[in-house]
């Protein structure tokens, strides 16, 4: 009986990137189909992936942080909190640098017609850029944790998760364990959801790469 070899995720993403470039090139040769395909198929599919990624971040970060702190009885608070913040800033910094390099080298979206997308003028309030360290730190403390989660403010979510985890770890085992077990199940489930979302990422690559050629 022949065994079918499963293609790993990295290979699938690479295939999606190549397919995205080919789709973008084809749309240049068939402009009559470009507007409908981009607006009705490719753009919604790409936006769906972005929303899926935003959907999993908050429950995954919150549940993992609380379980990591409360499950260890609060002893690993300093280590977990420090590693989480270092990881957050490191990944964010690498993502910014990588995005700038790729954007300047490949220039995605060059030649695309964004006139319809920019037809509406949006007035955005001018923010004061001279905020001090105190205001930045104060901004991490959420006034409404539900609103912070809804807006995906990760630093505020991390702050609340640390406080919540410390408070939960101070309870006795009989009252603490049921909630820790629930949050552990939430974390395990969110990892499964993350795998499902990442399985969709090759399709997102097609939606993104077509912008380089359209």
Foldseek 3Di string as FASTA:
>chain_A
DDDDDDDDLVVLQVVLLVLLQVVLQVCVVVVVCNVCCLVPPLVVLLVVLVVLVLVLPLLQLLLVLLLVCLVVLNPCLVVVLVVVVVVVVVVVVVVVVVVVVCCVPLVFQVPPDCCVVPVDDDDDDDDDPPDDPVVVVVVLDDPDQVVCSVVVVPSVSSVVSSVNSNVLSPDDPVVNVVVSVVSVVSNVVSVVSVVVSSSSNSSSSSSRNSRSRD
